[in-house]
PDB file of N, CA and C in Angstrom:
ATOM      1  N   UNK A   1     -27.271 -10.892 -39.899  1.00  0.00           N
ATOM      2  CA  UNK A   1     -28.046 -10.131 -38.995  1.00  0.00           C
ATOM      3  C   UNK A   1     -29.469 -10.056 -38.830  1.00  0.00           C
ATOM      4  N   UNK A   2     -29.889  -9.999 -37.632  1.00  0.00           N
ATOM      5  CA  UNK A   2     -31.129 -10.578 -37.514  1.00  0.00           C
ATOM      6  C   UNK A   2     -32.335  -8.965 -37.163  1.00  0.00           C
ATOM      7  N   UNK A   3     -33.262  -9.416 -38.026  1.00  0.00           N
ATOM      8  CA  UNK A   3     -34.186  -7.826 -38.554  1.00  0.00           C
ATOM      9  C   UNK A   3     -34.653  -7.617 -37.035  1.00  0.00           C
ATOM     10  N   UNK A   4     -34.840  -6.053 -36.693  1.00  0.00           N
ATOM     11  CA  UNK A   4     -35.240  -5.269 -35.863  1.00  0.00           C
ATOM     12  C   UNK A   4     -36.996  -5.183 -36.291  1.00  0.00           C
ATOM     13  N   UNK A   5     -37.597  -5.594 -34.997  1.00  0.00           N
ATOM     14  CA  UNK A   5     -39.045  -5.174 -34.965  1.00  0.00           C
ATOM     15  C   UNK A   5     -38.746  -3.464 -35.272  1.00  0.00           C
ATOM     16  N   UNK A   6     -40.346  -2.921 -36.157  1.00  0.00           N
ATOM     17  CA  UNK A   6     -40.139  -1.915 -36.593  1.00  0.00           C
ATOM     18  C   UNK A   6     -40.500  -1.145 -35.059  1.00  0.00           C
ATOM     19  N   UNK A   7     -40.239   0.338 -34.786  1.00  0.00           N
ATOM     20  CA  UNK A   7     -40.314   1.535 -34.000  1.00  0.00           C
ATOM     21  C   UNK A   7     -42.139   1.437 -34.173  1.00  0.00           C
ATOM     22  N   UNK A   8     -43.173   1.816 -32.824  1.00  0.00           N
ATOM     23  CA  UNK A   8     -43.895   2.169 -33.147  1.00  0.00           C
ATOM     24  C   UNK A   8     -45.496   0.688 -33.695  1.00  0.00           C
ATOM     25  N   UNK A   9     -44.833  -0.643 -33.353  1.00  0.00           N
ATOM     26  CA  UNK A   9     -45.612  -1.336 -33.890  1.00  0.00           C
ATOM     27  C   UNK A   9     -46.485  -2.083 -32.922  1.00  0.00           C
ATOM     28  N   UNK A  10     -45.885  -2.386 -31.763  1.00  0.00           N
ATOM     29  CA  UNK A  10     -46.366  -2.299 -30.378  1.00  0.00           C
ATOM     30  C   UNK A  10     -47.768  -1.197 -30.350  1.00  0.00           C
ATOM     31  N   UNK A  11     -47.497   0.074 -30.226  1.00  0.00           N
ATOM     32  CA  UNK A  11     -48.229   1.072 -30.083  1.00  0.00           C
ATOM     33  C   UNK A  11     -49.263   0.860 -30.794  1.00  0.00           C
ATOM     34  N   UNK A  12     -48.757   0.756 -32.281  1.00  0.00           N
ATOM     35  CA  UNK A  12     -49.998   0.732 -33.412  1.00  0.00           C
ATOM     36  C   UNK A  12     -51.095  -0.534 -32.749  1.00  0.00           C
ATOM     37  N   UNK A  13     -50.848  -1.174 -31.876  1.00  0.00           N
ATOM     38  CA  UNK A  13     -51.481  -2.768 -31.931  1.00  0.00           C
ATOM     39  C   UNK A  13     -52.423  -2.307 -30.565  1.00  0.00           C
ATOM     40  N   UNK A  14     -51.871  -1.406 -29.693  1.00  0.00           N
ATOM     41  CA  UNK A  14     -52.694  -1.321 -28.260  1.00  0.00           C
ATOM     42  C   UNK A  14     -53.779  -0.198 -28.342  1.00  0.00           C
ATOM     43  N   UNK A  15     -53.295   0.793 -29.748  1.00  0.00           N
ATOM     44  CA  UNK A  15     -54.260   1.708 -30.360  1.00  0.00           C
ATOM     45  C   UNK A  15     -55.331   1.279 -30.731  1.00  0.00           C
ATOM     46  N   UNK A  16     -54.990   0.222 -32.082  1.00  0.00           N
ATOM     47  CA  UNK A  16     -56.098  -0.694 -32.071  1.00  0.00           C
ATOM     48  C   UNK A  16     -57.394  -1.132 -31.589  1.00  0.00           C
ATOM     49  N   UNK A  17     -56.303  -2.055 -30.915  1.00  0.00           N
ATOM     50  CA  UNK A  17     -57.480  -2.715 -29.343  1.00  0.00           C
ATOM     51  C   UNK A  17     -58.158  -1.783 -28.810  1.00  0.00           C
ATOM     52  N   UNK A  18     -57.706  -0.522 -28.131  1.00  0.00           N
ATOM     53  CA  UNK A  18     -58.259   0.590 -27.194  1.00  0.00           C
ATOM     54  C   UNK A  18     -59.019   1.368 -28.041  1.00  0.00           C
ATOM     55  N   UNK A  19     -59.015   1.778 -29.578  1.00  0.00           N
ATOM     56  CA  UNK A  19     -59.761   2.577 -30.479  1.00  0.00           C
ATOM     57  C   UNK A  19     -61.386   1.627 -30.180  1.00  0.00           C
ATOM     58  N   UNK A  20     -61.609   0.096 -30.345  1.00  0.00           N
ATOM     59  CA  UNK A  20     -62.441  -0.843 -30.375  1.00  0.00           C
ATOM     60  C   UNK A  20     -62.782  -0.065 -28.866  1.00  0.00           C
ATOM     61  N   UNK A  21     -62.632  -0.432 -27.904  1.00  0.00           N
ATOM     62  CA  UNK A  21     -63.397  -0.348 -26.735  1.00  0.00           C
ATOM     63  C   UNK A  21     -63.848   1.300 -26.600  1.00  0.00           C
ATOM     64  N   UNK A  22     -62.563   2.312 -26.918  1.00  0.00           N
ATOM     65  CA  UNK A  22     -63.285   3.707 -27.219  1.00  0.00           C
ATOM     66  C   UNK A  22     -64.484   3.904 -28.005  1.00  0.00           C
ATOM     67  N   UNK A  23     -64.583   2.921 -28.909  1.00  0.00           N
ATOM     68  CA  UNK A  23     -65.912   3.456 -29.774  1.00  0.00           C
ATOM     69  C   UNK A  23     -67.184   2.808 -29.192  1.00  0.00           C
ATOM     70  N   UNK A  24     -66.689   1.779 -27.991  1.00  0.00           N
ATOM     71  CA  UNK A  24     -68.180   1.648 -27.648  1.00  0.00           C
ATOM     72  C   UNK A  24     -68.349   2.099 -26.201  1.00  0.00           C
ATOM     73  N   UNK A  25     -67.587   2.593 -25.911  1.00  0.00           N
ATOM     74  CA  UNK A  25     -67.619   3.530 -24.752  1.00  0.00           C
ATOM     75  C   UNK A  25     -68.175   4.512 -24.477  1.00  0.00           C
ATOM     76  N   UNK A  26     -67.600   5.583 -25.539  1.00  0.00           N
ATOM     77  CA  UNK A  26     -67.381   6.735 -25.842  1.00  0.00           C
ATOM     78  C   UNK A  26     -68.503   7.323 -27.056  1.00  0.00           C
ATOM     79  N   UNK A  27     -69.566   6.417 -27.369  1.00  0.00           N
ATOM     80  CA  UNK A  27     -69.974   6.683 -28.260  1.00  0.00           C
ATOM     81  C   UNK A  27     -68.924   7.344 -30.060  1.00  0.00           C
ATOM     82  N   UNK A  28     -67.912   6.768 -30.273  1.00  0.00           N
ATOM     83  CA  UNK A  28     -66.933   6.985 -31.160  1.00  0.00           C
ATOM     84  C   UNK A  28     -66.040   7.955 -30.959  1.00  0.00           C
ATOM     85  N   UNK A  29     -66.196   8.726 -30.439  1.00  0.00           N
ATOM     86  CA  UNK A  29     -65.250   9.807 -30.021  1.00  0.00           C
ATOM     87  C   UNK A  29     -63.969   9.168 -29.934  1.00  0.00           C
ATOM     88  N   UNK A  30     -63.672   8.535 -28.887  1.00  0.00           N
ATOM     89  CA  UNK A  30     -62.004   8.252 -28.197  1.00  0.00           C
ATOM     90  C   UNK A  30     -61.940   7.177 -29.843  1.00  0.00           C
ATOM     91  N   UNK A  31     -62.545   6.664 -30.057  1.00  0.00           N
ATOM     92  CA  UNK A  31     -62.253   5.415 -30.979  1.00  0.00           C
ATOM     93  C   UNK A  31     -61.383   6.151 -32.085  1.00  0.00           C
ATOM     94  N   UNK A  32     -62.510   7.245 -32.826  1.00  0.00           N
ATOM     95  CA  UNK A  32     -61.952   8.017 -33.873  1.00  0.00           C
ATOM     96  C   UNK A  32     -60.254   8.942 -34.053  1.00  0.00           C
ATOM     97  N   UNK A  33     -60.142   9.011 -32.255  1.00  0.00           N
ATOM     98  CA  UNK A  33     -59.303   9.407 -31.902  1.00  0.00           C
ATOM     99  C   UNK A  33     -58.067   8.536 -31.973  1.00  0.00           C
ATOM    100  N   UNK A  34     -58.075   7.387 -31.019  1.00  0.00           N
ATOM    101  CA  UNK A  34     -57.165   6.282 -31.388  1.00  0.00           C
ATOM    102  C   UNK A  34     -56.763   5.419 -32.340  1.00  0.00           C
ATOM    103  N   UNK A  35     -57.650   5.702 -33.324  1.00  0.00           N
ATOM    104  CA  UNK A  35     -57.231   4.593 -34.138  1.00  0.00           C
ATOM    105  C   UNK A  35     -56.494   5.696 -34.848  1.00  0.00           C
ATOM    106  N   UNK A  36     -56.894   6.705 -35.149  1.00  0.00           N
ATOM    107  CA  UNK A  36     -56.496   8.174 -35.869  1.00  0.00           C
ATOM    108  C   UNK A  36     -55.081   8.193 -35.781  1.00  0.00           C
ATOM    109  N   UNK A  37     -54.774   7.907 -34.403  1.00  0.00           N
ATOM    110  CA  UNK A  37     -53.170   8.006 -34.228  1.00  0.00           C
ATOM    111  C   UNK A  37     -52.429   6.338 -34.425  1.00  0.00           C
ATOM    112  N   UNK A  38     -52.825   5.552 -34.594  1.00  0.00           N
ATOM    113  CA  UNK A  38     -52.674   4.347 -34.743  1.00  0.00           C
ATOM    114  C   UNK A  38     -52.279   4.535 -36.087  1.00  0.00           C
ATOM    115  N   UNK A  39     -52.879   5.036 -36.796  1.00  0.00           N
ATOM    116  CA  UNK A  39     -53.092   4.767 -38.514  1.00  0.00           C
ATOM    117  C   UNK A  39     -51.723   5.630 -38.919  1.00  0.00           C
ATOM    118  N   UNK A  40     -51.635   7.241 -37.676  1.00  0.00           N
ATOM    119  CA  UNK A  40     -50.405   7.847 -38.548  1.00  0.00           C
ATOM    120  C   UNK A  40     -49.338   7.210 -38.086  1.00  0.00           C
ATOM    121  N   UNK A  41     -49.294   6.398 -37.085  1.00  0.00           N
ATOM    122  CA  UNK A  41     -47.862   6.053 -36.279  1.00  0.00           C
ATOM    123  C   UNK A  41     -47.413   4.654 -37.275  1.00  0.00           C
ATOM    124  N   UNK A  42     -48.448   4.209 -37.623  1.00  0.00           N
ATOM    125  CA  UNK A  42     -48.658   2.769 -38.856  1.00  0.00           C
ATOM    126  C   UNK A  42     -47.673   3.154 -40.630  1.00  0.00           C
ATOM    127  N   UNK A  43     -48.490   4.279 -40.638  1.00  0.00           N
ATOM    128  CA  UNK A  43     -47.701   5.318 -41.701  1.00  0.00           C
ATOM    129  C   UNK A  43     -46.343   5.412 -41.425  1.00  0.00           C
ATOM    130  N   UNK A  44     -45.532   6.248 -40.503  1.00  0.00           N
ATOM    131  CA  UNK A  44     -44.481   6.159 -39.819  1.00  0.00           C
ATOM    132  C   UNK A  44     -43.722   5.045 -39.978  1.00  0.00           C
ATOM    133  N   UNK A  45     -44.204   4.319 -39.279  1.00  0.00           N
ATOM    134  CA  UNK A  45     -43.213   3.072 -39.475  1.00  0.00           C
ATOM    135  C   UNK A  45     -42.863   2.588 -40.724  1.00  0.00           C
ATOM    136  N   UNK A  46     -44.130   2.271 -41.785  1.00  0.00           N
ATOM    137  CA  UNK A  46     -43.995   1.978 -42.847  1.00  0.00           C
ATOM    138  C   UNK A  46     -42.887   2.778 -43.688  1.00  0.00           C
ATOM    139  N   UNK A  47     -42.807   3.641 -43.685  1.00  0.00           N
ATOM    140  CA  UNK A  47     -41.903   4.697 -44.125  1.00  0.00           C
ATOM    141  C   UNK A  47     -40.402   4.468 -43.997  1.00  0.00           C
ATOM    142  N   UNK A  48     -40.206   4.190 -42.300  1.00  0.00           N
ATOM    143  CA  UNK A  48     -38.900   3.427 -41.851  1.00  0.00           C
ATOM    144  C   UNK A  48     -39.172   2.291 -42.676  1.00  0.00           C
ATOM    145  N   UNK A  49     -39.989   1.596 -42.707  1.00  0.00           N
ATOM    146  CA  UNK A  49     -39.398   0.616 -43.206  1.00  0.00           C
ATOM    147  C   UNK A  49     -39.016   0.224 -44.880  1.00  0.00           C
ATOM    148  N   UNK A  50     -39.797   0.953 -45.760  1.00  0.00           N
ATOM    149  CA  UNK A  50     -39.594   1.425 -47.223  1.00  0.00           C
ATOM    150  C   UNK A  50     -38.072   2.050 -47.140  1.00  0.00           C
ATOM    151  N   UNK A  51     -37.304   2.762 -45.869  1.00  0.00           N
ATOM    152  CA  UNK A  51     -36.215   3.195 -46.274  1.00  0.00           C
ATOM    153  C   UNK A  51     -34.838   2.325 -45.793  1.00  0.00           C
ATOM    154  N   UNK A  52     -35.094   1.275 -45.101  1.00  0.00           N
ATOM    155  CA  UNK A  52     -34.250   0.358 -44.657  1.00  0.00           C
ATOM    156  C   UNK A  52     -35.067  -0.856 -44.602  1.00  0.00           C
ATOM    157  N   UNK A  53     -35.514  -1.776 -45.779  1.00  0.00           N
ATOM    158  CA  UNK A  53     -36.131  -3.124 -45.555  1.00  0.00           C
ATOM    159  C   UNK A  53     -35.127  -4.237 -45.072  1.00  0.00           C
ATOM    160  N   UNK A  54     -33.802  -4.331 -45.267  1.00  0.00           N
ATOM    161  CA  UNK A  54     -32.937  -5.049 -44.876  1.00  0.00           C
ATOM    162  C   UNK A  54     -32.663  -4.653 -43.132  1.00  0.00           C
ATOM    163  N   UNK A  55     -33.397  -4.125 -42.737  1.00  0.00           N
ATOM    164  CA  UNK A  55     -32.435  -3.670 -41.124  1.00  0.00           C
ATOM    165  C   UNK A  55     -34.198  -4.046 -40.253  1.00  0.00           C
ATOM    166  N   UNK A  56     -35.470  -3.951 -40.910  1.00  0.00           N
ATOM    167  CA  UNK A  56     -36.833  -4.028 -40.113  1.00  0.00           C
ATOM    168  C   UNK A  56     -37.257  -5.330 -40.810  1.00  0.00           C
ATOM    169  N   UNK A  57     -38.216  -5.924 -40.398  1.00  0.00           N
ATOM    170  CA  UNK A  57     -38.998  -6.486 -40.447  1.00  0.00           C
ATOM    171  C   UNK A  57     -40.869  -6.453 -40.364  1.00  0.00           C
ATOM    172  N   UNK A  58     -41.301  -6.035 -41.210  1.00  0.00           N
ATOM    173  CA  UNK A  58     -42.825  -5.670 -41.312  1.00  0.00           C
ATOM    174  C   UNK A  58     -43.799  -6.378 -39.914  1.00  0.00           C
ATOM    175  N   UNK A  59     -43.544  -8.016 -39.498  1.00  0.00           N
ATOM    176  CA  UNK A  59     -44.304  -8.014 -38.533  1.00  0.00           C
ATOM    177  C   UNK A  59     -45.744  -8.337 -38.907  1.00  0.00           C
ATOM    178  N   UNK A  60     -46.397  -7.550 -37.475  1.00  0.00           N
ATOM    179  CA  UNK A  60     -47.852  -8.182 -37.989  1.00  0.00           C
ATOM    180  C   UNK A  60     -48.463  -6.144 -38.011  1.00  0.00           C
ATOM    181  N   UNK A  61     -47.139  -5.399 -38.639  1.00  0.00           N
ATOM    182  CA  UNK A  61     -47.767  -4.211 -38.878  1.00  0.00           C
ATOM    183  C   UNK A  61     -49.099  -4.053 -39.349  1.00  0.00           C
ATOM    184  N   UNK A  62     -49.067  -4.542 -40.690  1.00  0.00           N
ATOM    185  CA  UNK A  62     -49.753  -4.275 -41.898  1.00  0.00           C
ATOM    186  C   UNK A  62     -51.608  -4.842 -41.230  1.00  0.00           C
ATOM    187  N   UNK A  63     -51.409  -5.460 -40.428  1.00  0.00           N
ATOM    188  CA  UNK A  63     -52.728  -6.695 -39.822  1.00  0.00           C
ATOM    189  C   UNK A  63     -52.987  -5.109 -38.753  1.00  0.00           C
ATOM    190  N   UNK A  64     -52.405  -4.839 -38.009  1.00  0.00           N
ATOM    191  CA  UNK A  64     -52.604  -3.670 -37.285  1.00  0.00           C
ATOM    192  C   UNK A  64     -53.377  -2.484 -37.615  1.00  0.00           C
ATOM    193  N   UNK A  65     -52.754  -1.949 -38.753  1.00  0.00           N
ATOM    194  CA  UNK A  65     -53.084  -0.906 -39.701  1.00  0.00           C
ATOM    195  C   UNK A  65     -54.569  -1.315 -39.550  1.00  0.00           C
ATOM    196  N   UNK A  66     -54.895  -2.495 -40.741  1.00  0.00           N
ATOM    197  CA  UNK A  66     -56.260  -2.766 -41.070  1.00  0.00           C
ATOM    198  C   UNK A  66     -56.918  -2.503 -39.738  1.00  0.00           C
ATOM    199  N   UNK A  67     -56.518  -3.554 -38.913  1.00  0.00           N
ATOM    200  CA  UNK A  67     -57.721  -3.492 -37.584  1.00  0.00           C
ATOM    201  C   UNK A  67     -57.729  -1.636 -37.445  1.00  0.00           C
ATOM    202  N   UNK A  68     -56.824  -1.039 -37.254  1.00  0.00           N
ATOM    203  CA  UNK A  68     -56.977   0.435 -36.906  1.00  0.00           C
ATOM    204  C   UNK A  68     -58.290   1.506 -37.708  1.00  0.00           C
ATOM    205  N   UNK A  69     -58.209   0.803 -39.148  1.00  0.00           N
ATOM    206  CA  UNK A  69     -59.044   1.273 -40.074  1.00  0.00           C
ATOM    207  C   UNK A  69     -60.244   0.922 -40.118  1.00  0.00           C
ATOM    208  N   UNK A  70     -60.653  -0.278 -39.622  1.00  0.00           N
ATOM    209  CA  UNK A  70     -62.179  -0.727 -39.628  1.00  0.00           C
ATOM    210  C   UNK A  70     -62.307  -0.161 -38.164  1.00  0.00           C
ATOM    211  N   UNK A  71     -61.593  -0.056 -36.995  1.00  0.00           N
ATOM    212  CA  UNK A  71     -62.226   0.818 -35.885  1.00  0.00           C
ATOM    213  C   UNK A  71     -62.752   2.021 -36.384  1.00  0.00           C
ATOM    214  N   UNK A  72     -61.889   2.710 -36.984  1.00  0.00           N
ATOM    215  CA  UNK A  72     -61.967   4.183 -37.445  1.00  0.00           C
ATOM    216  C   UNK A  72     -63.308   4.287 -38.010  1.00  0.00           C
ATOM    217  N   UNK A  73     -63.518   3.582 -39.209  1.00  0.00           N
ATOM    218  CA  UNK A  73     -64.794   2.999 -39.731  1.00  0.00           C
ATOM    219  C   UNK A  73     -66.090   2.898 -38.905  1.00  0.00           C
ATOM    220  N   UNK A  74     -66.062   1.687 -37.942  1.00  0.00           N
ATOM    221  CA  UNK A  74     -66.901   1.460 -36.990  1.00  0.00           C
ATOM    222  C   UNK A  74     -67.107   2.588 -36.053  1.00  0.00           C
ATOM    223  N   UNK A  75     -66.422   3.540 -35.676  1.00  0.00           N
ATOM    224  CA  UNK A  75     -66.022   4.502 -34.533  1.00  0.00           C
ATOM    225  C   UNK A  75     -67.000   6.004 -35.336  1.00  0.00           C
ATOM    226  N   UNK A  76     -66.683   5.649 -36.373  1.00  0.00           N
ATOM    227  CA  UNK A  76     -67.521   7.214 -37.223  1.00  0.00           C
ATOM    228  C   UNK A  76     -68.989   7.065 -37.578  1.00  0.00           C
ATOM    229  N   UNK A  77     -69.159   5.737 -37.661  1.00  0.00           N
ATOM    230  CA  UNK A  77     -70.428   5.585 -37.833  1.00  0.00           C
ATOM    231  C   UNK A  77     -71.147   5.481 -36.694  1.00  0.00           C
ATOM    232  N   UNK A  78     -70.670   5.105 -36.039  1.00  0.00           N
ATOM    233  CA  UNK A  78     -71.262   5.152 -34.144  1.00  0.00           C
ATOM    234  C   UNK A  78     -71.536   6.581 -33.742  1.00  0.00           C
ATOM    235  N   UNK A  79     -70.286   7.419 -34.077  1.00  0.00           N
ATOM    236  CA  UNK A  79     -70.570   8.806 -33.704  1.00  0.00           C
ATOM    237  C   UNK A  79     -71.340   9.487 -34.297  1.00  0.00           C
ATOM    238  N   UNK A  80     -71.574   9.232 -35.442  1.00  0.00           N
ATOM    239  CA  UNK A  80     -72.492   9.804 -36.673  1.00  0.00           C
ATOM    240  C   UNK A  80     -73.944   9.288 -36.046  1.00  0.00           C
ATOM    241  N   UNK A  81     -74.610   8.196 -35.445  1.00  0.00           N
ATOM    242  CA  UNK A  81     -75.270   7.814 -34.850  1.00  0.00           C
ATOM    243  C   UNK A  81     -75.813   8.677 -33.957  1.00  0.00           C
ATOM    244  N   UNK A  82     -74.542   8.534 -32.739  1.00  0.00           N
ATOM    245  CA  UNK A  82     -74.710   9.249 -31.858  1.00  0.00           C
ATOM    246  C   UNK A  82     -75.271  11.132 -31.864  1.00  0.00           C
ATOM    247  N   UNK A  83     -74.481  11.743 -32.647  1.00  0.00           N
ATOM    248  CA  UNK A  83     -74.933  13.024 -33.058  1.00  0.00           C
ATOM    249  C   UNK A  83     -76.244  12.741 -33.514  1.00  0.00           C
ATOM    250  N   UNK A  84     -76.483  11.556 -34.440  1.00  0.00           N
ATOM    251  CA  UNK A  84     -78.347  12.101 -35.224  1.00  0.00           C
ATOM    252  C   UNK A  84     -79.116  11.869 -34.003  1.00  0.00           C
ATOM    253  N   UNK A  85     -78.834  11.193 -32.951  1.00  0.00           N
ATOM    254  CA  UNK A  85     -79.337  10.613 -32.038  1.00  0.00           C
ATOM    255  C   UNK A  85     -79.896  11.823 -30.990  1.00  0.00           C
ATOM    256  N   UNK A  86     -78.637  12.608 -30.662  1.00  0.00           N
ATOM    257  CA  UNK A  86     -78.781  13.520 -30.225  1.00  0.00           C
ATOM    258  C   UNK A  86     -79.679  15.196 -30.560  1.00  0.00           C
ATOM    259  N   UNK A  87     -79.165  15.388 -31.983  1.00  0.00           N
ATOM    260  CA  UNK A  87     -79.758  16.535 -32.464  1.00  0.00           C
ATOM    261  C   UNK A  87     -81.297  16.395 -32.934  1.00  0.00           C
ATOM    262  N   UNK A  88     -81.682  14.966 -32.933  1.00  0.00           N
ATOM    263  CA  UNK A  88     -83.496  14.520 -33.261  1.00  0.00           C
ATOM    264  C   UNK A  88     -84.012  14.559 -31.959  1.00  0.00           C
ATOM    265  N   UNK A  89     -83.334  13.950 -30.844  1.00  0.00           N
ATOM    266  CA  UNK A  89     -84.027  14.394 -29.381  1.00  0.00           C
ATOM    267  C   UNK A  89     -84.684  12.848 -29.099  1.00  0.00           C
ATOM    268  N   UNK A  90     -84.116  11.948 -29.726  1.00  0.00           N
ATOM    269  CA  UNK A  90     -84.462  10.657 -29.839  1.00  0.00           C
ATOM    270  C   UNK A  90     -83.685  10.133 -28.579  1.00  0.00           C
ATOM    271  N   UNK A  91     -82.599  10.109 -27.797  1.00  0.00           N
ATOM    272  CA  UNK A  91     -81.634   9.921 -27.021  1.00  0.00           C
ATOM    273  C   UNK A  91     -82.782  10.155 -25.476  1.00  0.00           C
ATOM    274  N   UNK A  92     -83.290  11.304 -25.472  1.00  0.00           N
ATOM    275  CA  UNK A  92     -84.192  11.269 -24.493  1.00  0.00           C
ATOM    276  C   UNK A  92     -85.156  10.420 -24.124  1.00  0.00           C
ATOM    277  N   UNK A  93     -85.998  10.009 -25.694  1.00  0.00           N
ATOM    278  CA  UNK A  93     -86.993   9.271 -25.717  1.00  0.00           C
ATOM    279  C   UNK A  93     -86.449   8.050 -25.545  1.00  0.00           C
ATOM    280  N   UNK A  94     -85.337   7.292 -25.930  1.00  0.00           N
ATOM    281  CA  UNK A  94     -84.955   5.961 -25.760  1.00  0.00           C
ATOM    282  C   UNK A  94     -84.235   5.966 -24.056  1.00  0.00           C
ATOM    283  N   UNK A  95     -83.644   6.999 -23.572  1.00  0.00           N
ATOM    284  CA  UNK A  95     -83.305   6.837 -22.042  1.00  0.00           C
ATOM    285  C   UNK A  95     -85.122   6.495 -21.061  1.00  0.00           C
ATOM    286  N   UNK A  96     -86.004   7.572 -21.739  1.00  0.00           N
ATOM    287  CA  UNK A  96     -87.432   7.023 -20.734  1.00  0.00           C
ATOM    288  C   UNK A  96     -88.113   6.203 -21.097  1.00  0.00           C
ATOM    289  N   UNK A  97     -87.589   5.118 -22.083  1.00  0.00           N
ATOM    290  CA  UNK A  97     -88.606   3.727 -22.589  1.00  0.00           C
ATOM    291  C   UNK A  97     -87.409   2.753 -21.772  1.00  0.00           C
ATOM    292  N   UNK A  98     -86.020   3.251 -21.233  1.00  0.00           N
ATOM    293  CA  UNK A  98     -85.155   2.465 -20.732  1.00  0.00           C
ATOM    294  C   UNK A  98     -85.486   2.077 -19.262  1.00  0.00           C
ATOM    295  N   UNK A  99     -85.664   3.622 -18.808  1.00  0.00           N
ATOM    296  CA  UNK A  99     -86.032   3.828 -17.576  1.00  0.00           C
ATOM    297  C   UNK A  99     -87.673   2.918 -17.279  1.00  0.00           C
ATOM    298  N   UNK A 100     -88.517   3.310 -18.139  1.00  0.00           N
ATOM    299  CA  UNK A 100     -89.769   2.564 -17.887  1.00  0.00           C
ATOM    300  C   UNK A 100     -89.340   1.102 -17.869  1.00  0.00           C
ATOM    301  N   UNK A 101     -88.818   0.631 -18.330  1.00  0.00           N
ATOM    302  CA  UNK A 101     -88.352  -1.052 -18.585  1.00  0.00           C
ATOM    303  C   UNK A 101     -87.802  -1.868 -16.843  1.00  0.00           C
ATOM    304  N   UNK A 102     -87.108  -0.484 -16.342  1.00  0.00           N
ATOM    305  CA  UNK A 102     -85.849  -0.832 -15.562  1.00  0.00           C
ATOM    306  C   UNK A 102     -87.271  -0.861 -14.061  1.00  0.00           C
ATOM    307  N   UNK A 103     -87.970  -0.194 -14.259  1.00  0.00           N
ATOM    308  CA  UNK A 103     -89.178   0.271 -13.137  1.00  0.00           C
ATOM    309  C   UNK A 103     -90.049  -0.983 -13.429  1.00  0.00           C
ATOM    310  N   UNK A 104     -90.326  -1.392 -14.679  1.00  0.00           N
ATOM    311  CA  UNK A 104     -91.190  -3.148 -14.740  1.00  0.00           C
ATOM    312  C   UNK A 104     -90.548  -3.802 -14.406  1.00  0.00           C
ATOM    313  N   UNK A 105     -89.331  -3.713 -14.459  1.00  0.00           N
ATOM    314  CA  UNK A 105     -88.134  -5.105 -14.336  1.00  0.00           C
ATOM    315  C   UNK A 105     -88.319  -5.276 -12.499  1.00  0.00           C
ATOM    316  N   UNK A 106     -87.494  -4.217 -11.871  1.00  0.00           N
ATOM    317  CA  UNK A 106     -88.027  -4.353 -10.327  1.00  0.00           C
ATOM    318  C   UNK A 106     -89.011  -4.625  -9.928  1.00  0.00           C
ATOM    319  N   UNK A 107     -90.278  -4.233 -10.159  1.00  0.00           N
ATOM    320  CA  UNK A 107     -91.614  -4.216  -9.546  1.00  0.00           C
ATOM    321  C   UNK A 107     -91.784  -5.811  -9.656  1.00  0.00           C
ATOM    322  N   UNK A 108     -91.167  -6.756 -10.439  1.00  0.00           N
ATOM    323  CA  UNK A 108     -91.348  -7.910 -10.673  1.00  0.00           C
ATOM    324  C   UNK A 108     -91.016  -8.955  -9.778  1.00  0.00           C
TER     325      UNK A 108
END
């Protein structure tokens, strides 16, 4: 009998990849949410595998679970940095410096 793929394995993979994009584009907030969901779904899939190991194959579930953990850690770091910048007001300074650099670049 051929072993089946675990349910949610592909969802865990997609959430792991999207959480990296969410980390960079949304200051970490979307990355934390997506990787959290991916880790939860991976845990459910592992539980199904432990109940019926002869029926399912693990495939690349462990790899994508690790990707989700790495993305979660990275997203948390980016989120903490974004909160720090907002609380200290350094984000406004950084935005002003960026606007000044853009004006200098356009005048050349």
